[in-house]
Amino acid sequence: MILRMSAAPLLDEEHARFILLPGISMTASSRGADNCPELGRVHGCRVAADRSRVTVLLPGDQYPGLLEALRASRAVAVVFSQPTTHRTIQLKGTDAVLEPLAPGDVQLAAQATDRFAAGLGALGYDESMLRTAVWFDAAALVAVRFTPCGAFQQTPGPRAGAPLAA
């Protein structure tokens, strides 16, 4: 697998719009010192205006192993999947850093979580059960910022794993 670092953003406008869609499912992962995976549910996403950086929001109290792995390795992979179509992309970075929340991040996370639960509710899932499963403590939110250096198609099918193309 080749990951690139370049001046031009890897994330094009269409893919940036996709990862910000209402109701999108997001999961972040990294690897621990023992090379075992650590992962957690993401509750919101921001993309820099120039698309060079992505910031994801996750409840640190629920995923201490993931936070430790991110601090130690700085490697991150984030999967964005649309439940209604299963369209999925994965972004990878090697420079993940934990940083303070920006103004509006708590509201962004609450809105993204509400839209995710409502979207699955519209598909017939028990929305109250979903809201319990995706609940988070706003005081525990952590922002993880990274530069995408790898981007992959992960929609189930023959192109899964292929590098994203514009």
N, C-alpha and C. Protein backbone atom coordinates (compact mmCIF):
# COMPACT_ATOMS: atom_id res chain seq x y z
N MET A 1 0.85 -1.17 0.00
CA MET A 1 0.00 0.00 0.00
C MET A 1 0.89 1.23 0.00
N ILE A 2 0.57 2.18 -0.86
CA ILE A 2 1.34 3.41 -0.94
C ILE A 2 0.49 4.53 -0.37
N LEU A 3 1.08 5.22 0.59
CA LEU A 3 0.45 6.41 1.16
C LEU A 3 1.28 7.59 0.72
N ARG A 4 0.63 8.68 0.38
CA ARG A 4 1.41 9.82 -0.09
C ARG A 4 1.21 11.02 0.80
N MET A 5 2.24 11.82 0.87
CA MET A 5 2.18 13.12 1.51
C MET A 5 2.50 14.13 0.39
N SER A 6 1.62 15.05 0.13
CA SER A 6 1.85 16.02 -0.92
C SER A 6 1.22 17.34 -0.53
N ALA A 7 1.57 18.36 -1.30
CA ALA A 7 1.03 19.69 -1.04
C ALA A 7 -0.44 19.77 -1.43
N ALA A 8 -0.83 19.06 -2.49
CA ALA A 8 -2.22 19.08 -2.94
C ALA A 8 -3.06 18.18 -2.05
N PRO A 9 -4.27 18.61 -1.68
CA PRO A 9 -5.11 17.75 -0.84
C PRO A 9 -5.52 16.48 -1.56
N LEU A 10 -5.49 15.39 -0.84
CA LEU A 10 -5.89 14.10 -1.39
C LEU A 10 -7.41 14.01 -1.54
N LEU A 11 -8.12 14.71 -0.69
CA LEU A 11 -9.57 14.66 -0.65
C LEU A 11 -10.15 15.66 -1.64
N ASP A 12 -10.87 15.17 -2.66
CA ASP A 12 -11.47 16.10 -3.61
C ASP A 12 -12.81 16.62 -3.06
N GLU A 13 -13.41 17.58 -3.75
CA GLU A 13 -14.64 18.21 -3.26
C GLU A 13 -15.78 17.21 -3.09
N GLU A 14 -15.94 16.30 -4.03
CA GLU A 14 -17.05 15.35 -3.97
C GLU A 14 -16.90 14.42 -2.77
N HIS A 15 -15.70 13.93 -2.53
CA HIS A 15 -15.49 13.03 -1.39
C HIS A 15 -15.59 13.80 -0.07
N ALA A 16 -15.16 15.05 -0.05
CA ALA A 16 -15.32 15.88 1.15
C ALA A 16 -16.80 16.06 1.46
N ARG A 17 -17.61 16.31 0.44
CA ARG A 17 -19.06 16.43 0.65
C ARG A 17 -19.63 15.13 1.19
N PHE A 18 -19.18 14.00 0.64
CA PHE A 18 -19.69 12.70 1.07
C PHE A 18 -19.43 12.46 2.56
N ILE A 19 -18.22 12.71 3.04
CA ILE A 19 -17.94 12.39 4.44
C ILE A 19 -18.66 13.33 5.41
N LEU A 20 -19.23 14.40 4.88
CA LEU A 20 -19.99 15.34 5.71
C LEU A 20 -21.51 15.16 5.57
N LEU A 21 -21.93 14.14 4.83
CA LEU A 21 -23.36 13.92 4.64
C LEU A 21 -24.08 13.68 5.96
N PRO A 22 -25.31 14.19 6.10
CA PRO A 22 -26.09 13.88 7.30
C PRO A 22 -26.35 12.37 7.39
N GLY A 23 -26.19 11.82 8.57
CA GLY A 23 -26.50 10.42 8.80
C GLY A 23 -25.39 9.44 8.49
N ILE A 24 -24.23 9.95 8.12
CA ILE A 24 -23.11 9.08 7.77
C ILE A 24 -22.62 8.35 9.03
N SER A 25 -22.19 7.12 8.87
CA SER A 25 -21.61 6.34 9.96
C SER A 25 -20.09 6.50 9.89
N MET A 26 -19.46 6.78 11.03
CA MET A 26 -18.01 7.03 11.05
C MET A 26 -17.35 6.23 12.17
N THR A 27 -16.24 5.59 11.84
CA THR A 27 -15.47 4.83 12.81
C THR A 27 -14.00 5.14 12.61
N ALA A 28 -13.29 5.40 13.71
CA ALA A 28 -11.85 5.65 13.66
C ALA A 28 -11.11 4.48 14.27
N SER A 29 -9.91 4.25 13.78
CA SER A 29 -9.09 3.18 14.33
C SER A 29 -7.62 3.56 14.30
N SER A 30 -6.87 2.85 15.10
CA SER A 30 -5.42 2.98 15.15
C SER A 30 -4.88 1.64 15.62
N ARG A 31 -3.60 1.60 15.90
CA ARG A 31 -3.02 0.36 16.40
C ARG A 31 -2.26 0.64 17.68
N GLY A 32 -2.39 -0.30 18.63
CA GLY A 32 -1.70 -0.17 19.89
C GLY A 32 -0.25 -0.61 19.78
N ALA A 33 0.49 -0.49 20.88
CA ALA A 33 1.90 -0.88 20.92
C ALA A 33 2.08 -2.35 20.56
N ASP A 34 1.08 -3.17 20.85
CA ASP A 34 1.13 -4.61 20.54
C ASP A 34 0.65 -4.89 19.11
N ASN A 35 0.44 -3.81 18.33
CA ASN A 35 -0.03 -3.89 16.94
C ASN A 35 -1.46 -4.40 16.81
N CYS A 36 -2.19 -4.44 17.93
CA CYS A 36 -3.60 -4.83 17.88
C CYS A 36 -4.44 -3.59 17.60
N PRO A 37 -5.55 -3.76 16.88
CA PRO A 37 -6.39 -2.61 16.54
C PRO A 37 -7.15 -2.05 17.74
N GLU A 38 -7.32 -0.76 17.71
CA GLU A 38 -8.18 -0.03 18.66
C GLU A 38 -9.12 0.78 17.80
N LEU A 39 -10.40 0.77 18.13
CA LEU A 39 -11.33 1.54 17.33
C LEU A 39 -12.44 2.14 18.16
N GLY A 40 -13.11 3.11 17.57
CA GLY A 40 -14.22 3.77 18.26
C GLY A 40 -15.10 4.51 17.29
N ARG A 41 -16.32 4.73 17.74
CA ARG A 41 -17.32 5.43 16.96
C ARG A 41 -17.02 6.93 16.94
N VAL A 42 -17.07 7.51 15.78
CA VAL A 42 -16.85 8.95 15.60
C VAL A 42 -18.21 9.64 15.64
N HIS A 43 -18.27 10.79 16.29
CA HIS A 43 -19.53 11.52 16.46
C HIS A 43 -19.55 12.86 15.76
N GLY A 44 -18.74 13.03 14.76
CA GLY A 44 -18.75 14.28 14.01
C GLY A 44 -17.45 14.43 13.25
N CYS A 45 -17.51 15.25 12.21
CA CYS A 45 -16.35 15.43 11.34
C CYS A 45 -16.32 16.85 10.81
N ARG A 46 -15.12 17.39 10.72
CA ARG A 46 -14.90 18.68 10.06
C ARG A 46 -13.84 18.48 8.98
N VAL A 47 -13.95 19.21 7.90
CA VAL A 47 -12.95 19.19 6.84
C VAL A 47 -12.46 20.62 6.66
N ALA A 48 -11.14 20.81 6.62
CA ALA A 48 -10.58 22.15 6.42
C ALA A 48 -11.05 22.71 5.09
N ALA A 49 -11.15 24.02 5.00
CA ALA A 49 -11.64 24.66 3.78
C ALA A 49 -10.85 24.25 2.55
N ASP A 50 -9.55 24.01 2.71
CA ASP A 50 -8.72 23.59 1.57
C ASP A 50 -8.66 22.07 1.42
N ARG A 51 -9.42 21.34 2.24
CA ARG A 51 -9.54 19.89 2.23
C ARG A 51 -8.25 19.17 2.57
N SER A 52 -7.28 19.87 3.12
CA SER A 52 -5.99 19.25 3.44
C SER A 52 -6.00 18.51 4.77
N ARG A 53 -6.92 18.85 5.66
CA ARG A 53 -6.97 18.24 6.99
C ARG A 53 -8.41 17.83 7.30
N VAL A 54 -8.52 16.76 8.07
CA VAL A 54 -9.82 16.27 8.53
C VAL A 54 -9.73 16.17 10.05
N THR A 55 -10.79 16.58 10.72
CA THR A 55 -10.87 16.46 12.18
C THR A 55 -12.11 15.64 12.51
N VAL A 56 -11.93 14.62 13.34
CA VAL A 56 -13.05 13.80 13.78
C VAL A 56 -13.20 13.96 15.29
N LEU A 57 -14.43 13.79 15.76
CA LEU A 57 -14.77 13.97 17.16
C LEU A 57 -15.20 12.63 17.75
N LEU A 58 -14.58 12.26 18.86
CA LEU A 58 -14.97 11.01 19.51
C LEU A 58 -14.94 11.17 21.01
N PRO A 59 -15.76 10.38 21.71
CA PRO A 59 -15.80 10.47 23.17
C PRO A 59 -14.63 9.69 23.77
N GLY A 60 -13.65 10.43 24.27
CA GLY A 60 -12.44 9.83 24.79
C GLY A 60 -12.66 8.90 25.96
N ASP A 61 -13.68 9.15 26.76
CA ASP A 61 -13.92 8.29 27.93
C ASP A 61 -14.36 6.89 27.50
N GLN A 62 -14.94 6.75 26.32
CA GLN A 62 -15.38 5.44 25.83
C GLN A 62 -14.26 4.67 25.14
N TYR A 63 -13.23 5.38 24.69
CA TYR A 63 -12.19 4.74 23.89
C TYR A 63 -10.78 5.11 24.36
N PRO A 64 -10.45 4.86 25.63
CA PRO A 64 -9.11 5.23 26.11
C PRO A 64 -8.00 4.50 25.36
N GLY A 65 -8.23 3.26 24.96
CA GLY A 65 -7.22 2.51 24.21
C GLY A 65 -6.95 3.14 22.85
N LEU A 66 -8.00 3.64 22.21
CA LEU A 66 -7.84 4.30 20.93
C LEU A 66 -7.05 5.59 21.09
N LEU A 67 -7.36 6.37 22.12
CA LEU A 67 -6.62 7.62 22.33
C LEU A 67 -5.15 7.34 22.58
N GLU A 68 -4.86 6.33 23.40
CA GLU A 68 -3.47 5.97 23.68
C GLU A 68 -2.76 5.53 22.40
N ALA A 69 -3.44 4.73 21.58
CA ALA A 69 -2.85 4.28 20.32
C ALA A 69 -2.59 5.45 19.37
N LEU A 70 -3.52 6.40 19.31
CA LEU A 70 -3.34 7.58 18.46
C LEU A 70 -2.16 8.42 18.92
N ARG A 71 -2.05 8.60 20.23
CA ARG A 71 -0.92 9.37 20.77
C ARG A 71 0.42 8.68 20.46
N ALA A 72 0.44 7.37 20.61
CA ALA A 72 1.69 6.62 20.45
C ALA A 72 2.11 6.48 18.99
N SER A 73 1.17 6.12 18.13
CA SER A 73 1.53 5.82 16.74
C SER A 73 1.29 6.96 15.78
N ARG A 74 0.33 7.82 16.11
CA ARG A 74 -0.14 8.91 15.25
C ARG A 74 -0.79 8.40 13.96
N ALA A 75 -0.93 7.08 13.85
CA ALA A 75 -1.59 6.48 12.68
C ALA A 75 -3.10 6.43 12.92
N VAL A 76 -3.87 6.78 11.90
CA VAL A 76 -5.32 6.76 12.02
C VAL A 76 -5.93 6.31 10.69
N ALA A 77 -7.01 5.58 10.80
CA ALA A 77 -7.83 5.24 9.64
C ALA A 77 -9.26 5.55 10.05
N VAL A 78 -9.99 6.25 9.20
CA VAL A 78 -11.38 6.58 9.49
C VAL A 78 -12.23 6.10 8.32
N VAL A 79 -13.28 5.36 8.66
CA VAL A 79 -14.21 4.83 7.67
C VAL A 79 -15.50 5.64 7.73
N PHE A 80 -15.97 6.05 6.57
CA PHE A 80 -17.21 6.81 6.44
C PHE A 80 -18.15 5.98 5.57
N SER A 81 -19.31 5.63 6.11
CA SER A 81 -20.22 4.75 5.37
C SER A 81 -21.64 5.31 5.43
N GLN A 82 -22.30 5.30 4.29
CA GLN A 82 -23.68 5.76 4.20
C GLN A 82 -24.59 4.54 4.37
N PRO A 83 -25.32 4.46 5.49
CA PRO A 83 -26.13 3.27 5.77
C PRO A 83 -27.17 2.92 4.70
N THR A 84 -27.71 3.91 4.02
CA THR A 84 -28.76 3.63 3.04
C THR A 84 -28.24 2.99 1.77
N THR A 85 -26.95 3.21 1.45
CA THR A 85 -26.39 2.68 0.20
C THR A 85 -25.18 1.78 0.42
N HIS A 86 -24.62 1.80 1.60
CA HIS A 86 -23.38 1.11 1.95
C HIS A 86 -22.17 1.68 1.23
N ARG A 87 -22.33 2.83 0.57
CA ARG A 87 -21.17 3.50 -0.03
C ARG A 87 -20.22 3.83 1.12
N THR A 88 -18.96 3.48 0.95
CA THR A 88 -17.99 3.61 2.03
C THR A 88 -16.64 4.05 1.48
N ILE A 89 -16.00 4.99 2.19
CA ILE A 89 -14.62 5.34 1.87
C ILE A 89 -13.82 5.32 3.16
N GLN A 90 -12.52 5.15 3.01
CA GLN A 90 -11.61 5.12 4.15
C GLN A 90 -10.51 6.14 3.89
N LEU A 91 -10.22 6.94 4.92
CA LEU A 91 -9.09 7.87 4.87
C LEU A 91 -8.06 7.40 5.88
N LYS A 92 -6.79 7.51 5.51
CA LYS A 92 -5.71 7.16 6.42
C LYS A 92 -4.80 8.36 6.61
N GLY A 93 -4.24 8.44 7.80
CA GLY A 93 -3.27 9.48 8.10
C GLY A 93 -2.17 8.95 8.99
N THR A 94 -1.04 9.62 8.97
CA THR A 94 0.10 9.21 9.79
C THR A 94 0.54 10.32 10.75
N ASP A 95 -0.25 11.38 10.82
CA ASP A 95 0.12 12.53 11.66
C ASP A 95 -1.00 12.95 12.61
N ALA A 96 -1.80 11.99 13.07
CA ALA A 96 -2.95 12.32 13.93
C ALA A 96 -2.49 12.98 15.22
N VAL A 97 -3.20 14.03 15.60
CA VAL A 97 -2.94 14.71 16.87
C VAL A 97 -4.27 14.97 17.56
N LEU A 98 -4.25 14.87 18.88
CA LEU A 98 -5.42 15.23 19.67
C LEU A 98 -5.31 16.72 19.96
N GLU A 99 -6.43 17.42 19.82
CA GLU A 99 -6.40 18.86 20.04
C GLU A 99 -7.69 19.30 20.72
N PRO A 100 -7.69 20.51 21.27
CA PRO A 100 -8.91 20.99 21.92
C PRO A 100 -10.06 21.12 20.92
N LEU A 101 -11.26 21.02 21.44
CA LEU A 101 -12.45 21.22 20.61
C LEU A 101 -12.50 22.64 20.09
N ALA A 102 -13.04 22.81 18.91
CA ALA A 102 -13.28 24.14 18.34
C ALA A 102 -14.68 24.57 18.74
N PRO A 103 -14.95 25.87 18.71
CA PRO A 103 -16.31 26.32 18.98
C PRO A 103 -17.30 25.62 18.04
N GLY A 104 -18.38 25.13 18.59
CA GLY A 104 -19.40 24.47 17.80
C GLY A 104 -19.22 22.97 17.66
N ASP A 105 -18.10 22.42 18.13
CA ASP A 105 -17.87 20.98 17.98
C ASP A 105 -18.88 20.13 18.76
N VAL A 106 -19.26 20.56 19.94
CA VAL A 106 -20.23 19.78 20.72
C VAL A 106 -21.55 19.72 19.97
N GLN A 107 -21.98 20.86 19.42
CA GLN A 107 -23.23 20.89 18.65
C GLN A 107 -23.10 20.07 17.38
N LEU A 108 -21.95 20.13 16.73
CA LEU A 108 -21.72 19.34 15.52
C LEU A 108 -21.85 17.85 15.83
N ALA A 109 -21.24 17.41 16.93
CA ALA A 109 -21.30 15.99 17.32
C ALA A 109 -22.72 15.58 17.66
N ALA A 110 -23.43 16.43 18.39
CA ALA A 110 -24.82 16.10 18.75
C ALA A 110 -25.68 16.00 17.50
N GLN A 111 -25.52 16.93 16.58
CA GLN A 111 -26.30 16.92 15.34
C GLN A 111 -25.96 15.69 14.49
N ALA A 112 -24.68 15.38 14.35
CA ALA A 112 -24.28 14.22 13.54
C ALA A 112 -24.83 12.93 14.14
N THR A 113 -24.80 12.83 15.47
CA THR A 113 -25.30 11.63 16.15
C THR A 113 -26.81 11.52 16.00
N ASP A 114 -27.51 12.63 16.14
CA ASP A 114 -28.96 12.64 15.96
C ASP A 114 -29.33 12.22 14.54
N ARG A 115 -28.62 12.75 13.56
CA ARG A 115 -28.92 12.43 12.15
C ARG A 115 -28.62 10.96 11.85
N PHE A 116 -27.56 10.43 12.45
CA PHE A 116 -27.23 9.02 12.25
C PHE A 116 -28.35 8.14 12.81
N ALA A 117 -28.77 8.42 14.05
CA ALA A 117 -29.84 7.62 14.68
C ALA A 117 -31.15 7.76 13.92
N ALA A 118 -31.48 8.97 13.50
CA ALA A 118 -32.73 9.19 12.76
C ALA A 118 -32.68 8.49 11.41
N GLY A 119 -31.53 8.52 10.75
CA GLY A 119 -31.40 7.85 9.46
C GLY A 119 -31.59 6.35 9.57
N LEU A 120 -31.01 5.74 10.60
CA LEU A 120 -31.21 4.30 10.79
C LEU A 120 -32.64 4.02 11.25
N GLY A 121 -33.21 4.94 12.03
CA GLY A 121 -34.61 4.79 12.43
C GLY A 121 -35.53 4.76 11.22
N ALA A 122 -35.22 5.59 10.22
CA ALA A 122 -36.03 5.60 9.00
C ALA A 122 -35.90 4.29 8.22
N LEU A 123 -34.85 3.55 8.47
CA LEU A 123 -34.66 2.24 7.81
C LEU A 123 -35.34 1.12 8.59
N GLY A 124 -35.99 1.47 9.71
CA GLY A 124 -36.72 0.47 10.47
C GLY A 124 -36.07 0.03 11.76
N TYR A 125 -34.91 0.58 12.08
CA TYR A 125 -34.27 0.23 13.34
C TYR A 125 -34.91 1.02 14.48
N ASP A 126 -34.88 0.46 15.67
CA ASP A 126 -35.46 1.10 16.85
C ASP A 126 -34.61 2.32 17.21
N GLU A 127 -35.14 3.50 16.93
CA GLU A 127 -34.37 4.73 17.12
C GLU A 127 -34.01 4.97 18.58
N SER A 128 -34.91 4.65 19.51
CA SER A 128 -34.58 4.87 20.92
C SER A 128 -33.43 3.96 21.36
N MET A 129 -33.40 2.75 20.84
CA MET A 129 -32.30 1.85 21.16
C MET A 129 -31.00 2.37 20.54
N LEU A 130 -31.09 2.86 19.31
CA LEU A 130 -29.91 3.43 18.65
C LEU A 130 -29.36 4.61 19.43
N ARG A 131 -30.24 5.49 19.87
CA ARG A 131 -29.79 6.67 20.62
C ARG A 131 -29.08 6.27 21.91
N THR A 132 -29.53 5.19 22.52
CA THR A 132 -28.85 4.69 23.72
C THR A 132 -27.47 4.15 23.33
N ALA A 133 -27.39 3.45 22.23
CA ALA A 133 -26.13 2.85 21.81
C ALA A 133 -25.09 3.89 21.38
N VAL A 134 -25.53 5.02 20.83
CA VAL A 134 -24.58 6.02 20.34
C VAL A 134 -24.47 7.24 21.27
N TRP A 135 -25.05 7.14 22.46
CA TRP A 135 -24.97 8.24 23.42
C TRP A 135 -23.50 8.53 23.75
N PHE A 136 -23.21 9.80 24.01
CA PHE A 136 -21.87 10.19 24.46
C PHE A 136 -21.98 11.36 25.42
N ASP A 137 -20.97 11.49 26.27
CA ASP A 137 -20.87 12.60 27.20
C ASP A 137 -20.13 13.73 26.49
N ALA A 138 -20.80 14.85 26.26
CA ALA A 138 -20.20 15.96 25.53
C ALA A 138 -18.91 16.44 26.18
N ALA A 139 -18.81 16.35 27.50
CA ALA A 139 -17.61 16.80 28.20
C ALA A 139 -16.40 15.92 27.88
N ALA A 140 -16.63 14.73 27.36
CA ALA A 140 -15.53 13.81 27.07
C ALA A 140 -15.09 13.83 25.60
N LEU A 141 -15.72 14.69 24.79
CA LEU A 141 -15.36 14.73 23.37
C LEU A 141 -13.91 15.16 23.18
N VAL A 142 -13.27 14.53 22.23
CA VAL A 142 -11.89 14.82 21.86
C VAL A 142 -11.85 15.03 20.35
N ALA A 143 -11.07 16.00 19.90
CA ALA A 143 -10.88 16.22 18.48
C ALA A 143 -9.57 15.56 18.04
N VAL A 144 -9.63 14.85 16.94
CA VAL A 144 -8.45 14.20 16.37
C VAL A 144 -8.29 14.74 14.95
N ARG A 145 -7.20 15.45 14.72
CA ARG A 145 -6.94 16.08 13.43
C ARG A 145 -5.84 15.32 12.70
N PHE A 146 -6.02 15.14 11.39
CA PHE A 146 -5.00 14.46 10.60
C PHE A 146 -5.03 14.93 9.15
N THR A 147 -3.95 14.64 8.46
CA THR A 147 -3.83 14.92 7.03
C THR A 147 -4.06 13.62 6.29
N PRO A 148 -5.11 13.53 5.47
CA PRO A 148 -5.28 12.30 4.70
C PRO A 148 -4.10 12.09 3.75
N CYS A 149 -3.47 10.93 3.87
CA CYS A 149 -2.37 10.59 2.97
C CYS A 149 -2.69 9.30 2.20
N GLY A 150 -3.84 8.71 2.50
CA GLY A 150 -4.33 7.56 1.77
C GLY A 150 -5.84 7.63 1.76
N ALA A 151 -6.46 7.33 0.64
CA ALA A 151 -7.92 7.37 0.52
C ALA A 151 -8.35 6.21 -0.36
N PHE A 152 -9.32 5.44 0.15
CA PHE A 152 -9.67 4.19 -0.50
C PHE A 152 -11.18 4.00 -0.62
N GLN A 153 -11.58 3.41 -1.72
CA GLN A 153 -12.95 2.97 -1.94
C GLN A 153 -13.15 1.72 -1.07
N GLN A 154 -14.18 1.71 -0.23
CA GLN A 154 -14.42 0.53 0.61
C GLN A 154 -15.86 0.03 0.49
N THR A 155 -16.60 0.56 -0.49
CA THR A 155 -17.94 0.05 -0.74
C THR A 155 -17.83 -1.43 -1.10
N PRO A 156 -18.64 -2.29 -0.48
CA PRO A 156 -18.56 -3.71 -0.83
C PRO A 156 -18.69 -3.91 -2.34
N GLY A 157 -17.83 -4.75 -2.88
CA GLY A 157 -17.86 -5.02 -4.32
C GLY A 157 -16.47 -5.13 -4.89
N PRO A 158 -16.37 -5.22 -6.20
CA PRO A 158 -15.09 -5.49 -6.83
C PRO A 158 -14.05 -4.38 -6.69
N ARG A 159 -14.47 -3.14 -6.39
CA ARG A 159 -13.51 -2.05 -6.26
C ARG A 159 -13.10 -1.78 -4.80
N ALA A 160 -13.63 -2.55 -3.87
CA ALA A 160 -13.27 -2.35 -2.46
C ALA A 160 -11.76 -2.46 -2.29
N GLY A 161 -11.19 -1.47 -1.63
CA GLY A 161 -9.75 -1.43 -1.40
C GLY A 161 -8.98 -0.64 -2.43
N ALA A 162 -9.64 -0.25 -3.52
CA ALA A 162 -8.96 0.52 -4.56
C ALA A 162 -8.78 1.96 -4.10
N PRO A 163 -7.68 2.60 -4.52
CA PRO A 163 -7.51 4.02 -4.19
C PRO A 163 -8.67 4.83 -4.76
N LEU A 164 -9.06 5.88 -4.02
CA LEU A 164 -10.13 6.74 -4.51
C LEU A 164 -9.69 7.44 -5.78
N ALA A 165 -10.61 7.59 -6.70
CA ALA A 165 -10.38 8.35 -7.91
C ALA A 165 -11.38 9.50 -7.92
N ALA A 166 -10.96 10.64 -8.42
CA ALA A 166 -11.85 11.80 -8.47
C ALA A 166 -13.02 11.52 -9.38
